[in-house]
Amino acid sequence: MSDRHPYYGHCFCGAIQLEVTAEPEATGYCHCRSCRHWSAAPVNAFMLFKPDDVTVTRGRDRIGSYSRTPQSIRKWCLDCGGHLYTEHPGMGLVDVYAAIIPDAPFAPALHVHYQERVLPIRDGMPKFRDVPESIGGCGEQLAE
């Protein structure tokens, strides 16, 4: 997203639309139990943005919210159930699921919460116990 033009995403049915207007702060794969369970997948692809760079352009009143922990506020469409993003207040970032922004170039650079993996991925990218220090984690890396 180097030319900084917006990219557009939407829920499964299209009732909720959003726009991102900046480069992500980080991109990669999350292996934590919560993301795996929420996404019903062995791994979740993420793009982390600053909150001001993500705008809901349609359907804000159709967004549901759930917070299992104070670290993550998950958002989805009340009509179709399609997942949208997760707010991470402690990190000051919004995790927009890579799959809902089809035209944004997804360039994964790391794995987070790798110790919770159920699907080992040997791709040479750094594997973190939580998240890198630059976005609020301990920065501890794990073996591939």
C-alpha atoms as a PDB file:
ATOM      1  CA  MET A   1       0.000   0.000   0.000  1.00  0.00           C
ATOM      2  CA  SER A   2       2.930   2.264  -0.651  1.00  0.00           C
ATOM      3  CA  ASP A   3       0.985   4.741  -2.797  1.00  0.00           C
ATOM      4  CA  ARG A   4      -1.331   5.278   0.197  1.00  0.00           C
ATOM      5  CA  HIS A   5      -4.534   5.051  -1.788  1.00  0.00           C
ATOM      6  CA  PRO A   6      -7.369   3.491   0.144  1.00  0.00           C
ATOM      7  CA  TYR A   7      -8.267  -0.167   0.112  1.00  0.00           C
ATOM      8  CA  TYR A   8     -11.806  -1.307   0.705  1.00  0.00           C
ATOM      9  CA  GLY A   9     -13.177  -4.284   2.558  1.00  0.00           C
ATOM     10  CA  HIS A  10     -16.517  -5.634   3.638  1.00  0.00           C
ATOM     11  CA  CYS A  11     -18.198  -8.330   5.656  1.00  0.00           C
ATOM     12  CA  PHE A  12     -19.427 -11.532   4.027  1.00  0.00           C
ATOM     13  CA  CYS A  13     -22.758 -10.028   2.877  1.00  0.00           C
ATOM     14  CA  GLY A  14     -21.449  -6.511   2.164  1.00  0.00           C
ATOM     15  CA  ALA A  15     -23.726  -4.716   4.661  1.00  0.00           C
ATOM     16  CA  ILE A  16     -20.652  -3.337   6.441  1.00  0.00           C
ATOM     17  CA  GLN A  17     -17.908  -1.697   4.436  1.00  0.00           C
ATOM     18  CA  LEU A  18     -14.624  -0.272   5.598  1.00  0.00           C
ATOM     19  CA  GLU A  19     -11.642   1.565   4.251  1.00  0.00           C
ATOM     20  CA  VAL A  20      -7.962   1.496   5.239  1.00  0.00           C
ATOM     21  CA  THR A  21      -5.744   4.389   4.168  1.00  0.00           C
ATOM     22  CA  ALA A  22      -2.234   3.650   5.411  1.00  0.00           C
ATOM     23  CA  GLU A  23       0.456   1.034   5.523  1.00  0.00           C
ATOM     24  CA  PRO A  24      -0.109  -1.633   8.160  1.00  0.00           C
ATOM     25  CA  GLU A  25       2.032  -1.465  11.274  1.00  0.00           C
ATOM     26  CA  ALA A  26       2.544  -5.239  11.029  1.00  0.00           C
ATOM     27  CA  THR A  27       1.264  -8.157   8.976  1.00  0.00           C
ATOM     28  CA  GLY A  28       1.448 -11.833   9.680  1.00  0.00           C
ATOM     29  CA  TYR A  29      -0.197 -14.877  11.145  1.00  0.00           C
ATOM     30  CA  CYS A  30      -1.645 -15.368  14.615  1.00  0.00           C
ATOM     31  CA  HIS A  31      -1.648 -18.811  16.196  1.00  0.00           C
ATOM     32  CA  CYS A  32      -3.332 -18.001  19.535  1.00  0.00           C
ATOM     33  CA  ARG A  33      -6.205 -20.177  20.695  1.00  0.00           C
ATOM     34  CA  SER A  34      -8.632 -17.247  20.700  1.00  0.00           C
ATOM     35  CA  CYS A  35      -7.965 -16.268  17.069  1.00  0.00           C
ATOM     36  CA  ARG A  36      -8.023 -19.886  15.941  1.00  0.00           C
ATOM     37  CA  HIS A  37     -11.327 -20.519  17.680  1.00  0.00           C
ATOM     38  CA  TRP A  38     -12.865 -17.219  16.535  1.00  0.00           C
ATOM     39  CA  SER A  39     -11.842 -17.770  12.908  1.00  0.00           C
ATOM     40  CA  ALA A  40     -12.496 -21.546  12.930  1.00  0.00           C
ATOM     41  CA  ALA A  41      -9.093 -22.052  11.306  1.00  0.00           C
ATOM     42  CA  PRO A  42      -5.655 -23.327  12.324  1.00  0.00           C
ATOM     43  CA  VAL A  43      -4.126 -19.852  11.804  1.00  0.00           C
ATOM     44  CA  ASN A  44      -5.427 -16.297  11.290  1.00  0.00           C
ATOM     45  CA  ALA A  45      -3.934 -13.784   8.818  1.00  0.00           C
ATOM     46  CA  PHE A  46      -3.823 -10.245  10.214  1.00  0.00           C
ATOM     47  CA  MET A  47      -3.012  -6.690   9.209  1.00  0.00           C
ATOM     48  CA  LEU A  48      -2.514  -4.267  12.123  1.00  0.00           C
ATOM     49  CA  PHE A  49      -3.386  -0.611  11.574  1.00  0.00           C
ATOM     50  CA  LYS A  50      -3.571   2.497  13.707  1.00  0.00           C
ATOM     51  CA  PRO A  51      -7.231   3.160  14.598  1.00  0.00           C
ATOM     52  CA  ASP A  52      -7.361   6.426  12.612  1.00  0.00           C
ATOM     53  CA  ASP A  53      -6.383   4.523   9.455  1.00  0.00           C
ATOM     54  CA  VAL A  54      -9.475   2.280   9.555  1.00  0.00           C
ATOM     55  CA  THR A  55     -12.894   3.786   8.815  1.00  0.00           C
ATOM     56  CA  VAL A  56     -16.245   2.050   8.676  1.00  0.00           C
ATOM     57  CA  THR A  57     -17.891   3.675   5.657  1.00  0.00           C
ATOM     58  CA  ARG A  58     -21.207   1.832   5.733  1.00  0.00           C
ATOM     59  CA  GLY A  59     -23.199  -0.216   8.222  1.00  0.00           C
ATOM     60  CA  ARG A  60     -21.681   0.922  11.526  1.00  0.00           C
ATOM     61  CA  ASP A  61     -25.053   0.256  13.196  1.00  0.00           C
ATOM     62  CA  ARG A  62     -24.861  -3.397  12.044  1.00  0.00           C
ATOM     63  CA  ILE A  63     -21.595  -4.147  13.899  1.00  0.00           C
ATOM     64  CA  GLY A  64     -21.656  -6.564  16.811  1.00  0.00           C
ATOM     65  CA  SER A  65     -18.967  -6.589  19.481  1.00  0.00           C
ATOM     66  CA  TYR A  66     -17.562  -9.160  21.876  1.00  0.00           C
ATOM     67  CA  SER A  67     -14.712  -8.878  24.362  1.00  0.00           C
ATOM     68  CA  ARG A  68     -13.515 -12.075  25.988  1.00  0.00           C
ATOM     69  CA  THR A  69     -10.544 -10.192  27.444  1.00  0.00           C
ATOM     70  CA  PRO A  70      -9.720  -6.469  27.729  1.00  0.00           C
ATOM     71  CA  GLN A  71      -6.948  -6.956  25.138  1.00  0.00           C
ATOM     72  CA  SER A  72      -9.293  -7.779  22.249  1.00  0.00           C
ATOM     73  CA  ILE A  73     -12.663  -6.408  21.182  1.00  0.00           C
ATOM     74  CA  ARG A  74     -13.870  -8.496  18.241  1.00  0.00           C
ATOM     75  CA  LYS A  75     -16.235  -7.018  15.662  1.00  0.00           C
ATOM     76  CA  TRP A  76     -18.563  -8.768  13.220  1.00  0.00           C
ATOM     77  CA  CYS A  77     -21.640  -8.178  11.060  1.00  0.00           C
ATOM     78  CA  LEU A  78     -24.967  -8.686  12.829  1.00  0.00           C
ATOM     79  CA  ASP A  79     -26.586  -9.656   9.506  1.00  0.00           C
ATOM     80  CA  CYS A  80     -24.253 -12.330   8.101  1.00  0.00           C
ATOM     81  CA  GLY A  81     -21.918 -13.005  11.036  1.00  0.00           C
ATOM     82  CA  GLY A  82     -18.902 -12.126   8.894  1.00  0.00           C
ATOM     83  CA  HIS A  83     -15.838 -11.131  10.870  1.00  0.00           C
ATOM     84  CA  LEU A  84     -14.441  -7.637  10.363  1.00  0.00           C
ATOM     85  CA  TYR A  85     -11.679  -6.645  12.753  1.00  0.00           C
ATOM     86  CA  THR A  86     -10.452  -6.770  16.323  1.00  0.00           C
ATOM     87  CA  GLU A  87      -9.610  -3.671  18.335  1.00  0.00           C
ATOM     88  CA  HIS A  88      -6.539  -4.029  20.579  1.00  0.00           C
ATOM     89  CA  PRO A  89      -6.786  -1.017  22.937  1.00  0.00           C
ATOM     90  CA  GLY A  90      -3.617  -1.848  24.890  1.00  0.00           C
ATOM     91  CA  MET A  91      -1.564  -1.935  21.702  1.00  0.00           C
ATOM     92  CA  GLY A  92      -3.359   1.042  20.153  1.00  0.00           C
ATOM     93  CA  LEU A  93      -3.979  -1.005  17.000  1.00  0.00           C
ATOM     94  CA  VAL A  94      -6.815  -2.522  14.994  1.00  0.00           C
ATOM     95  CA  ASP A  95      -6.406  -5.997  13.509  1.00  0.00           C
ATOM     96  CA  VAL A  96      -8.230  -6.032  10.183  1.00  0.00           C
ATOM     97  CA  TYR A  97      -8.536  -9.589   8.930  1.00  0.00           C
ATOM     98  CA  ALA A  98      -6.497  -9.812   5.742  1.00  0.00           C
ATOM     99  CA  ALA A  99      -9.181 -11.811   3.937  1.00  0.00           C
ATOM    100  CA  ILE A 100     -11.765  -9.016   4.071  1.00  0.00           C
ATOM    101  CA  ILE A 101      -9.562  -6.544   2.177  1.00  0.00           C
ATOM    102  CA  PRO A 102      -9.079  -8.512  -1.054  1.00  0.00           C
ATOM    103  CA  ASP A 103      -7.164  -5.853  -3.005  1.00  0.00           C
ATOM    104  CA  ALA A 104      -4.691  -4.915  -0.271  1.00  0.00           C
ATOM    105  CA  PRO A 105      -1.308  -6.508  -0.833  1.00  0.00           C
ATOM    106  CA  PHE A 106      -0.822  -8.913   2.063  1.00  0.00           C
ATOM    107  CA  ALA A 107       2.878  -9.317   2.805  1.00  0.00           C
ATOM    108  CA  PRO A 108       3.172 -11.394   5.992  1.00  0.00           C
ATOM    109  CA  ALA A 109       6.355 -10.769   7.947  1.00  0.00           C
ATOM    110  CA  LEU A 110       5.957 -12.689  11.216  1.00  0.00           C
ATOM    111  CA  HIS A 111       4.039 -15.189  13.314  1.00  0.00           C
ATOM    112  CA  VAL A 112       2.655 -14.329  16.752  1.00  0.00           C
ATOM    113  CA  HIS A 113       1.717 -16.586  19.682  1.00  0.00           C
ATOM    114  CA  TYR A 114       3.570 -19.363  17.887  1.00  0.00           C
ATOM    115  CA  GLN A 115       3.846 -21.538  20.998  1.00  0.00           C
ATOM    116  CA  GLU A 116       0.075 -22.124  20.703  1.00  0.00           C
ATOM    117  CA  ARG A 117       0.295 -23.370  17.113  1.00  0.00           C
ATOM    118  CA  VAL A 118      -1.537 -26.425  15.870  1.00  0.00           C
ATOM    119  CA  LEU A 119      -0.161 -26.046  12.349  1.00  0.00           C
ATOM    120  CA  PRO A 120       3.635 -25.668  12.255  1.00  0.00           C
ATOM    121  CA  ILE A 121       4.707 -23.380   9.412  1.00  0.00           C
ATOM    122  CA  ARG A 122       8.326 -23.454   8.325  1.00  0.00           C
ATOM    123  CA  ASP A 123       8.650 -20.356   6.186  1.00  0.00           C
ATOM    124  CA  GLY A 124      11.728 -18.656   7.651  1.00  0.00           C
ATOM    125  CA  MET A 125       9.740 -15.764   9.144  1.00  0.00           C
ATOM    126  CA  PRO A 126      10.267 -14.837  12.813  1.00  0.00           C
ATOM    127  CA  LYS A 127       8.053 -16.679  15.293  1.00  0.00           C
ATOM    128  CA  PHE A 128       7.154 -14.720  18.453  1.00  0.00           C
ATOM    129  CA  ARG A 129       5.920 -15.898  21.857  1.00  0.00           C
ATOM    130  CA  ASP A 130       3.528 -12.938  21.900  1.00  0.00           C
ATOM    131  CA  VAL A 131       4.209  -9.945  19.632  1.00  0.00           C
ATOM    132  CA  PRO A 132       7.315  -7.891  18.776  1.00  0.00           C
ATOM    133  CA  GLU A 133       8.457  -5.254  21.268  1.00  0.00           C
ATOM    134  CA  SER A 134       7.712  -2.529  18.705  1.00  0.00           C
ATOM    135  CA  ILE A 135       3.976  -3.228  19.088  1.00  0.00           C
ATOM    136  CA  GLY A 136       3.892  -3.909  22.815  1.00  0.00           C
ATOM    137  CA  GLY A 137       5.085  -7.462  23.274  1.00  0.00           C
ATOM    138  CA  CYS A 138       8.027  -9.104  25.011  1.00  0.00           C
ATOM    139  CA  GLY A 139       9.734  -9.691  21.657  1.00  0.00           C
ATOM    140  CA  GLU A 140      10.845 -13.233  22.555  1.00  0.00           C
ATOM    141  CA  GLN A 141      11.360 -15.304  19.439  1.00  0.00           C
ATOM    142  CA  LEU A 142      10.777 -19.039  19.235  1.00  0.00           C
ATOM    143  CA  ALA A 143      12.400 -21.723  17.121  1.00  0.00           C
ATOM    144  CA  GLU A 144      10.717 -22.572  13.876  1.00  0.00           C
END
